[in-house]
Amino acid sequence: MCDLQQSHGKEIPQLPSEAWRCHHCGEVLDEWSYYEDIHIQKYLGYGSRYDGKELRMQLCCDCLDNYIEECKLSPLSGEYSAGSIKPIIRGKFGGQ
């Protein structure tokens, strides 16, 4: 396993054990999950039972992998490479 602190050039802050937990499994985030920073922040609307609430969810890498594997349709769009970030949806919903 590589040293994430060395490869990213950032020091991992010392956090209290209650901080930076995965909302799904409750585990404290490891180095990989800390650097991936997998989170969702969204105000929920009429289509949800939680209408009017704000969703703030942090996930660890394992829970994200499990979520992706449980999807009936793949949410993955392909391989990522530096400089390849482009809008996935165009037209009616994508704004172009």
Foldseek 3Di string as FASTA:
>chain_A
DDDPCVVVVHDDDDDPQQPCAFPPPRHHEDPQLVVVFDWDWDQDDDVDPNHRDIDIGRHHPVVVVVVQVPDPDHPDDDDDDPPPDDDPDDDPPRDD
